[in-house]
Amino acid sequence: MMEVQITCTSCGSSIEVLPDHRATKVECDVCKHVQEVNFTADHEAGRLCECPVCNRMDFYKQKDFNRKIGVTLFLIAAILSIWTYGLSLVALYLVDLFLFRKLSVVAICYKCRTNFRKLQNMGDIREYDHEMNDRIVYSDHDFKGKPLSH
């Protein structure tokens, strides 16, 4: 079953939910802010066609790894490289390669940053596109699930 991780618009905390077409609202455990959601039968079946939070159809996929942890590990390896003559960076590369092969993929909504795991149609989701992200975030452009075309 698809797992959904919504970012609270009030405090930025994660709200973990499972799709249920009867659910119309979710509540943040931290600040008790209530957000509206619109789950469909597709969501319950594990197919992502439309975001249940912002109703957009623009998603990208990436490895399911916390970026803050990745940056922290890189900084530690970079600092240690002074004493290890760069071997700490090689070790970090090997750890990164191992994690890249083992970690699953997550789909993310460009607009509201909602995360979707265990999708049936993950192969239909495209890789991250910087230009598409900028147009959606800064210009509120809606691509309606279509790829960026020039």
N, C-alpha and C. Protein backbone atom coordinates (compact mmCIF):
# COMPACT_ATOMS: atom_id res chain seq x y z
N MET A 1 0.84 -1.18 0.00
CA MET A 1 0.00 0.00 0.00
C MET A 1 0.88 1.24 0.00
N MET A 2 0.45 2.25 -0.75
CA MET A 2 1.20 3.50 -0.82
C MET A 2 1.25 4.18 0.54
N GLU A 3 2.41 4.76 0.85
CA GLU A 3 2.58 5.53 2.07
C GLU A 3 2.77 6.99 1.67
N VAL A 4 2.11 7.90 2.38
CA VAL A 4 2.17 9.31 2.04
C VAL A 4 2.73 10.08 3.23
N GLN A 5 3.67 10.97 2.95
CA GLN A 5 4.27 11.81 3.98
C GLN A 5 4.02 13.26 3.58
N ILE A 6 3.10 13.90 4.29
CA ILE A 6 2.70 15.28 4.01
C ILE A 6 3.49 16.22 4.91
N THR A 7 3.91 17.35 4.37
CA THR A 7 4.59 18.36 5.16
C THR A 7 3.55 19.34 5.69
N CYS A 8 3.49 19.51 6.99
CA CYS A 8 2.55 20.43 7.62
C CYS A 8 2.84 21.86 7.15
N THR A 9 1.82 22.55 6.67
CA THR A 9 2.01 23.92 6.18
C THR A 9 2.21 24.91 7.33
N SER A 10 1.90 24.51 8.54
CA SER A 10 2.02 25.40 9.68
C SER A 10 3.40 25.31 10.34
N CYS A 11 3.86 24.08 10.65
CA CYS A 11 5.12 23.94 11.39
C CYS A 11 6.22 23.21 10.61
N GLY A 12 5.90 22.61 9.47
CA GLY A 12 6.90 21.92 8.67
C GLY A 12 7.17 20.48 9.08
N SER A 13 6.44 19.97 10.07
CA SER A 13 6.61 18.59 10.51
C SER A 13 6.02 17.62 9.49
N SER A 14 6.41 16.37 9.59
CA SER A 14 5.88 15.34 8.70
C SER A 14 4.62 14.74 9.27
N ILE A 15 3.66 14.52 8.38
CA ILE A 15 2.42 13.85 8.75
C ILE A 15 2.36 12.58 7.91
N GLU A 16 2.47 11.44 8.57
CA GLU A 16 2.46 10.14 7.89
C GLU A 16 1.03 9.63 7.80
N VAL A 17 0.57 9.32 6.58
CA VAL A 17 -0.79 8.81 6.41
C VAL A 17 -0.81 7.70 5.36
N LEU A 18 -1.82 6.87 5.45
CA LEU A 18 -2.10 5.87 4.43
C LEU A 18 -3.34 6.34 3.68
N PRO A 19 -3.37 6.20 2.36
CA PRO A 19 -4.50 6.70 1.59
C PRO A 19 -5.82 6.04 1.97
N ASP A 20 -6.82 6.86 2.15
CA ASP A 20 -8.18 6.41 2.44
C ASP A 20 -9.13 7.41 1.80
N HIS A 21 -9.91 6.97 0.82
CA HIS A 21 -10.77 7.90 0.08
C HIS A 21 -11.83 8.56 0.97
N ARG A 22 -12.08 8.01 2.15
CA ARG A 22 -13.05 8.61 3.07
C ARG A 22 -12.43 9.75 3.87
N ALA A 23 -11.11 9.79 3.94
CA ALA A 23 -10.43 10.84 4.73
C ALA A 23 -10.45 12.15 3.95
N THR A 24 -10.83 13.22 4.61
CA THR A 24 -10.83 14.54 3.98
C THR A 24 -9.88 15.50 4.67
N LYS A 25 -9.43 15.14 5.86
CA LYS A 25 -8.52 16.00 6.62
C LYS A 25 -7.49 15.14 7.35
N VAL A 26 -6.30 15.73 7.53
CA VAL A 26 -5.28 15.11 8.37
C VAL A 26 -4.82 16.15 9.37
N GLU A 27 -4.43 15.66 10.56
CA GLU A 27 -4.01 16.57 11.61
C GLU A 27 -2.54 16.35 11.94
N CYS A 28 -1.81 17.44 12.09
CA CYS A 28 -0.40 17.38 12.48
C CYS A 28 -0.32 16.99 13.96
N ASP A 29 0.53 16.01 14.26
CA ASP A 29 0.69 15.58 15.65
C ASP A 29 1.41 16.62 16.50
N VAL A 30 2.19 17.49 15.88
CA VAL A 30 2.99 18.46 16.62
C VAL A 30 2.19 19.71 16.96
N CYS A 31 1.63 20.37 15.93
CA CYS A 31 0.96 21.66 16.17
C CYS A 31 -0.56 21.58 16.09
N LYS A 32 -1.09 20.39 15.77
CA LYS A 32 -2.54 20.15 15.68
C LYS A 32 -3.21 20.90 14.53
N HIS A 33 -2.41 21.40 13.57
CA HIS A 33 -2.96 22.06 12.38
C HIS A 33 -3.67 21.01 11.51
N VAL A 34 -4.82 21.35 10.99
CA VAL A 34 -5.60 20.43 10.15
C VAL A 34 -5.44 20.83 8.69
N GLN A 35 -5.10 19.85 7.85
CA GLN A 35 -4.95 20.07 6.42
C GLN A 35 -5.95 19.23 5.66
N GLU A 36 -6.47 19.78 4.59
CA GLU A 36 -7.40 19.04 3.75
C GLU A 36 -6.64 18.13 2.79
N VAL A 37 -7.19 16.95 2.55
CA VAL A 37 -6.62 16.00 1.59
C VAL A 37 -7.76 15.43 0.75
N ASN A 38 -7.40 14.93 -0.41
CA ASN A 38 -8.39 14.37 -1.31
C ASN A 38 -7.84 13.07 -1.91
N PHE A 39 -7.96 11.98 -1.16
CA PHE A 39 -7.50 10.68 -1.63
C PHE A 39 -8.55 10.06 -2.54
N THR A 40 -8.08 9.34 -3.55
CA THR A 40 -8.98 8.68 -4.50
C THR A 40 -8.74 7.17 -4.46
N ALA A 41 -9.52 6.45 -5.23
CA ALA A 41 -9.34 5.01 -5.35
C ALA A 41 -7.97 4.68 -5.95
N ASP A 42 -7.47 5.55 -6.85
CA ASP A 42 -6.13 5.35 -7.42
C ASP A 42 -5.08 5.37 -6.33
N HIS A 43 -5.19 6.30 -5.39
CA HIS A 43 -4.23 6.37 -4.29
C HIS A 43 -4.28 5.09 -3.44
N GLU A 44 -5.49 4.62 -3.17
CA GLU A 44 -5.63 3.39 -2.37
C GLU A 44 -5.03 2.18 -3.09
N ALA A 45 -5.07 2.21 -4.43
CA ALA A 45 -4.50 1.12 -5.22
C ALA A 45 -2.99 1.28 -5.42
N GLY A 46 -2.42 2.38 -4.94
CA GLY A 46 -0.98 2.59 -5.04
C GLY A 46 -0.54 3.29 -6.30
N ARG A 47 -1.49 3.90 -7.03
CA ARG A 47 -1.16 4.64 -8.25
C ARG A 47 -1.23 6.14 -7.98
N LEU A 48 -0.20 6.85 -8.41
CA LEU A 48 -0.13 8.29 -8.21
C LEU A 48 -0.43 9.00 -9.52
N CYS A 49 -1.58 9.66 -9.57
CA CYS A 49 -1.96 10.44 -10.74
C CYS A 49 -2.11 11.92 -10.40
N GLU A 50 -2.55 12.18 -9.17
CA GLU A 50 -2.80 13.54 -8.72
C GLU A 50 -2.44 13.64 -7.24
N CYS A 51 -1.83 14.75 -6.85
CA CYS A 51 -1.44 14.93 -5.46
C CYS A 51 -2.69 15.13 -4.60
N PRO A 52 -2.83 14.38 -3.51
CA PRO A 52 -4.00 14.51 -2.65
C PRO A 52 -4.01 15.80 -1.83
N VAL A 53 -2.89 16.52 -1.80
CA VAL A 53 -2.80 17.74 -1.00
C VAL A 53 -3.06 18.98 -1.85
N CYS A 54 -2.34 19.11 -2.98
CA CYS A 54 -2.46 20.32 -3.80
C CYS A 54 -3.15 20.08 -5.13
N ASN A 55 -3.55 18.85 -5.42
CA ASN A 55 -4.26 18.46 -6.64
C ASN A 55 -3.46 18.70 -7.92
N ARG A 56 -2.14 18.76 -7.80
CA ARG A 56 -1.27 18.88 -8.98
C ARG A 56 -0.90 17.50 -9.49
N MET A 57 -0.39 17.44 -10.73
CA MET A 57 0.00 16.17 -11.33
C MET A 57 1.48 16.15 -11.71
N ASP A 58 2.26 17.03 -11.12
CA ASP A 58 3.68 17.15 -11.46
C ASP A 58 4.53 16.57 -10.32
N PHE A 59 5.22 15.46 -10.63
CA PHE A 59 6.01 14.74 -9.64
C PHE A 59 7.39 14.43 -10.19
N TYR A 60 8.33 14.17 -9.30
CA TYR A 60 9.64 13.67 -9.69
C TYR A 60 10.02 12.55 -8.74
N LYS A 61 11.01 11.75 -9.15
CA LYS A 61 11.45 10.66 -8.28
C LYS A 61 12.92 10.84 -7.94
N GLN A 62 13.29 10.33 -6.77
CA GLN A 62 14.67 10.35 -6.31
C GLN A 62 14.86 9.23 -5.29
N LYS A 63 16.10 8.96 -4.96
CA LYS A 63 16.39 7.97 -3.93
C LYS A 63 15.87 8.47 -2.58
N ASP A 64 15.39 7.58 -1.77
CA ASP A 64 14.78 7.92 -0.49
C ASP A 64 15.84 8.04 0.59
N PHE A 65 16.53 9.19 0.58
CA PHE A 65 17.60 9.43 1.55
C PHE A 65 17.50 10.86 2.04
N ASN A 66 17.69 11.07 3.31
CA ASN A 66 17.61 12.39 3.92
C ASN A 66 18.80 13.24 3.48
N ARG A 67 18.53 14.36 2.83
CA ARG A 67 19.59 15.22 2.31
C ARG A 67 20.45 15.82 3.42
N LYS A 68 19.84 16.14 4.55
CA LYS A 68 20.60 16.74 5.65
C LYS A 68 21.64 15.76 6.17
N ILE A 69 21.29 14.49 6.24
CA ILE A 69 22.26 13.47 6.66
C ILE A 69 23.38 13.36 5.64
N GLY A 70 23.04 13.40 4.36
CA GLY A 70 24.06 13.32 3.31
C GLY A 70 25.04 14.47 3.35
N VAL A 71 24.54 15.69 3.54
CA VAL A 71 25.43 16.85 3.63
C VAL A 71 26.30 16.76 4.88
N THR A 72 25.72 16.32 5.99
CA THR A 72 26.49 16.17 7.22
C THR A 72 27.62 15.15 7.05
N LEU A 73 27.31 14.01 6.43
CA LEU A 73 28.34 13.00 6.20
C LEU A 73 29.45 13.54 5.31
N PHE A 74 29.07 14.31 4.29
CA PHE A 74 30.09 14.88 3.40
C PHE A 74 30.99 15.86 4.16
N LEU A 75 30.40 16.71 4.98
CA LEU A 75 31.20 17.66 5.75
C LEU A 75 32.17 16.95 6.70
N ILE A 76 31.69 15.91 7.35
CA ILE A 76 32.55 15.14 8.25
C ILE A 76 33.71 14.51 7.46
N ALA A 77 33.39 13.91 6.30
CA ALA A 77 34.43 13.28 5.48
C ALA A 77 35.42 14.32 4.96
N ALA A 78 34.92 15.50 4.60
CA ALA A 78 35.80 16.55 4.09
C ALA A 78 36.75 17.04 5.18
N ILE A 79 36.24 17.23 6.38
CA ILE A 79 37.09 17.66 7.49
C ILE A 79 38.12 16.57 7.83
N LEU A 80 37.67 15.32 7.87
CA LEU A 80 38.59 14.21 8.18
C LEU A 80 39.63 13.99 7.09
N SER A 81 39.34 14.46 5.88
CA SER A 81 40.28 14.24 4.78
C SER A 81 41.62 14.94 5.01
N ILE A 82 41.61 15.94 5.88
CA ILE A 82 42.87 16.62 6.23
C ILE A 82 43.84 15.62 6.85
N TRP A 83 43.35 14.77 7.72
CA TRP A 83 44.19 13.80 8.43
C TRP A 83 44.27 12.45 7.74
N THR A 84 43.27 12.14 6.89
CA THR A 84 43.25 10.83 6.23
C THR A 84 43.78 10.90 4.80
N TYR A 85 44.26 12.08 4.39
CA TYR A 85 44.79 12.27 3.04
C TYR A 85 43.76 11.91 1.97
N GLY A 86 42.51 12.24 2.23
CA GLY A 86 41.45 12.02 1.25
C GLY A 86 40.79 10.66 1.31
N LEU A 87 41.31 9.75 2.12
CA LEU A 87 40.72 8.41 2.19
C LEU A 87 39.31 8.43 2.78
N SER A 88 39.01 9.41 3.63
CA SER A 88 37.66 9.50 4.18
C SER A 88 36.65 9.82 3.08
N LEU A 89 37.06 10.58 2.06
CA LEU A 89 36.16 10.86 0.93
C LEU A 89 35.94 9.61 0.08
N VAL A 90 36.98 8.80 -0.07
CA VAL A 90 36.83 7.54 -0.80
C VAL A 90 35.89 6.61 -0.02
N ALA A 91 36.05 6.55 1.30
CA ALA A 91 35.16 5.72 2.12
C ALA A 91 33.71 6.21 2.01
N LEU A 92 33.52 7.53 2.02
CA LEU A 92 32.17 8.08 1.87
C LEU A 92 31.58 7.72 0.51
N TYR A 93 32.43 7.77 -0.52
CA TYR A 93 31.98 7.38 -1.85
C TYR A 93 31.49 5.93 -1.88
N LEU A 94 32.22 5.06 -1.24
CA LEU A 94 31.83 3.64 -1.20
C LEU A 94 30.53 3.45 -0.42
N VAL A 95 30.39 4.16 0.69
CA VAL A 95 29.13 4.10 1.46
C VAL A 95 27.99 4.63 0.61
N ASP A 96 28.22 5.72 -0.11
CA ASP A 96 27.20 6.31 -0.97
C ASP A 96 26.80 5.35 -2.09
N LEU A 97 27.77 4.70 -2.68
CA LEU A 97 27.49 3.72 -3.74
C LEU A 97 26.65 2.57 -3.20
N PHE A 98 27.00 2.08 -2.02
CA PHE A 98 26.23 1.01 -1.39
C PHE A 98 24.79 1.45 -1.13
N LEU A 99 24.62 2.64 -0.54
CA LEU A 99 23.28 3.15 -0.25
C LEU A 99 22.48 3.38 -1.52
N PHE A 100 23.13 3.88 -2.57
CA PHE A 100 22.44 4.14 -3.83
C PHE A 100 21.84 2.86 -4.40
N ARG A 101 22.55 1.77 -4.25
CA ARG A 101 22.05 0.49 -4.76
C ARG A 101 20.96 -0.11 -3.88
N LYS A 102 20.99 0.17 -2.59
CA LYS A 102 20.07 -0.46 -1.64
C LYS A 102 18.78 0.34 -1.37
N LEU A 103 18.86 1.67 -1.46
CA LEU A 103 17.70 2.48 -1.09
C LEU A 103 16.61 2.43 -2.15
N SER A 104 15.39 2.55 -1.69
CA SER A 104 14.25 2.57 -2.60
C SER A 104 14.08 3.98 -3.17
N VAL A 105 13.10 4.12 -4.05
CA VAL A 105 12.83 5.38 -4.72
C VAL A 105 11.55 5.97 -4.15
N VAL A 106 11.50 7.28 -4.04
CA VAL A 106 10.33 7.99 -3.55
C VAL A 106 9.91 9.01 -4.61
N ALA A 107 8.60 9.21 -4.76
CA ALA A 107 8.07 10.24 -5.65
C ALA A 107 7.72 11.46 -4.80
N ILE A 108 7.97 12.65 -5.34
CA ILE A 108 7.75 13.88 -4.60
C ILE A 108 6.98 14.86 -5.48
N CYS A 109 6.01 15.53 -4.89
CA CYS A 109 5.24 16.55 -5.59
C CYS A 109 6.08 17.82 -5.68
N TYR A 110 6.22 18.38 -6.87
CA TYR A 110 6.99 19.61 -7.04
C TYR A 110 6.40 20.76 -6.23
N LYS A 111 5.08 20.86 -6.18
CA LYS A 111 4.43 22.02 -5.57
C LYS A 111 4.46 22.00 -4.05
N CYS A 112 3.97 20.92 -3.43
CA CYS A 112 3.81 20.90 -1.97
C CYS A 112 4.82 20.01 -1.26
N ARG A 113 5.68 19.33 -2.02
CA ARG A 113 6.74 18.48 -1.47
C ARG A 113 6.23 17.26 -0.70
N THR A 114 5.03 16.82 -0.99
CA THR A 114 4.51 15.60 -0.38
C THR A 114 5.27 14.41 -0.95
N ASN A 115 5.67 13.46 -0.09
CA ASN A 115 6.41 12.27 -0.49
C ASN A 115 5.47 11.08 -0.62
N PHE A 116 5.73 10.25 -1.63
CA PHE A 116 4.93 9.05 -1.88
C PHE A 116 5.86 7.85 -2.01
N ARG A 117 5.62 6.83 -1.19
CA ARG A 117 6.42 5.62 -1.21
C ARG A 117 5.56 4.43 -1.61
N LYS A 118 6.23 3.39 -2.12
CA LYS A 118 5.59 2.13 -2.49
C LYS A 118 4.51 2.33 -3.56
N LEU A 119 4.87 3.01 -4.63
CA LEU A 119 3.93 3.25 -5.73
C LEU A 119 3.93 2.10 -6.72
N GLN A 120 2.78 1.83 -7.28
CA GLN A 120 2.67 0.83 -8.34
C GLN A 120 3.18 1.38 -9.67
N ASN A 121 3.03 2.69 -9.88
CA ASN A 121 3.40 3.29 -11.16
C ASN A 121 4.65 4.17 -11.05
N MET A 122 5.63 3.76 -10.24
CA MET A 122 6.86 4.55 -10.06
C MET A 122 7.59 4.72 -11.39
N GLY A 123 7.49 3.77 -12.28
CA GLY A 123 8.15 3.87 -13.59
C GLY A 123 7.62 5.00 -14.44
N ASP A 124 6.41 5.47 -14.17
CA ASP A 124 5.83 6.57 -14.94
C ASP A 124 6.30 7.94 -14.45
N ILE A 125 6.90 8.00 -13.28
CA ILE A 125 7.35 9.27 -12.70
C ILE A 125 8.73 9.60 -13.27
N ARG A 126 8.91 10.85 -13.72
CA ARG A 126 10.17 11.27 -14.32
C ARG A 126 11.18 11.72 -13.25
N GLU A 127 12.44 11.82 -13.69
CA GLU A 127 13.51 12.32 -12.82
C GLU A 127 13.31 13.81 -12.56
N TYR A 128 14.02 14.32 -11.57
CA TYR A 128 13.94 15.73 -11.19
C TYR A 128 14.40 16.62 -12.34
N ASP A 129 13.68 17.74 -12.56
CA ASP A 129 14.01 18.71 -13.60
C ASP A 129 14.09 20.08 -12.94
N HIS A 130 15.29 20.69 -12.94
CA HIS A 130 15.50 21.98 -12.27
C HIS A 130 14.60 23.07 -12.85
N GLU A 131 14.53 23.14 -14.17
CA GLU A 131 13.72 24.20 -14.80
C GLU A 131 12.24 24.03 -14.47
N MET A 132 11.78 22.81 -14.50
CA MET A 132 10.38 22.54 -14.16
C MET A 132 10.11 22.94 -12.71
N ASN A 133 11.03 22.60 -11.81
CA ASN A 133 10.89 22.97 -10.41
C ASN A 133 10.80 24.48 -10.26
N ASP A 134 11.68 25.22 -10.91
CA ASP A 134 11.67 26.68 -10.79
C ASP A 134 10.38 27.28 -11.33
N ARG A 135 9.89 26.77 -12.44
CA ARG A 135 8.65 27.30 -13.00
C ARG A 135 7.45 27.02 -12.08
N ILE A 136 7.44 25.87 -11.45
CA ILE A 136 6.33 25.53 -10.55
C ILE A 136 6.42 26.32 -9.25
N VAL A 137 7.60 26.35 -8.64
CA VAL A 137 7.77 26.99 -7.34
C VAL A 137 7.66 28.51 -7.43
N TYR A 138 8.33 29.12 -8.41
CA TYR A 138 8.40 30.58 -8.46
C TYR A 138 7.34 31.23 -9.34
N SER A 139 6.81 30.51 -10.33
CA SER A 139 5.81 31.10 -11.22
C SER A 139 4.44 30.43 -11.11
N ASP A 140 4.34 29.42 -10.24
CA ASP A 140 3.11 28.66 -10.06
C ASP A 140 2.57 28.08 -11.37
N HIS A 141 3.50 27.69 -12.24
CA HIS A 141 3.12 27.08 -13.51
C HIS A 141 2.60 25.66 -13.25
N ASP A 142 1.54 25.28 -13.92
CA ASP A 142 0.98 23.93 -13.78
C ASP A 142 1.18 23.18 -15.09
N PHE A 143 2.03 22.16 -15.07
CA PHE A 143 2.32 21.38 -16.27
C PHE A 143 1.30 20.28 -16.50
N LYS A 144 0.40 20.05 -15.54
CA LYS A 144 -0.65 19.03 -15.64
C LYS A 144 -0.09 17.64 -15.94
N GLY A 145 1.08 17.33 -15.37
CA GLY A 145 1.68 16.01 -15.50
C GLY A 145 2.45 15.78 -16.78
N LYS A 146 2.53 16.78 -17.64
CA LYS A 146 3.25 16.63 -18.91
C LYS A 146 4.70 17.07 -18.72
N PRO A 147 5.62 16.49 -19.48
CA PRO A 147 7.02 16.89 -19.36
C PRO A 147 7.24 18.30 -19.91
N LEU A 148 8.30 18.90 -19.46
CA LEU A 148 8.67 20.23 -19.92
C LEU A 148 9.05 20.17 -21.40
N SER A 149 8.49 21.06 -22.19
CA SER A 149 8.83 21.09 -23.61
C SER A 149 9.28 22.50 -23.98
N HIS A 150 10.22 22.58 -24.88
CA HIS A 150 10.76 23.89 -25.29
C HIS A 150 10.27 24.26 -26.66
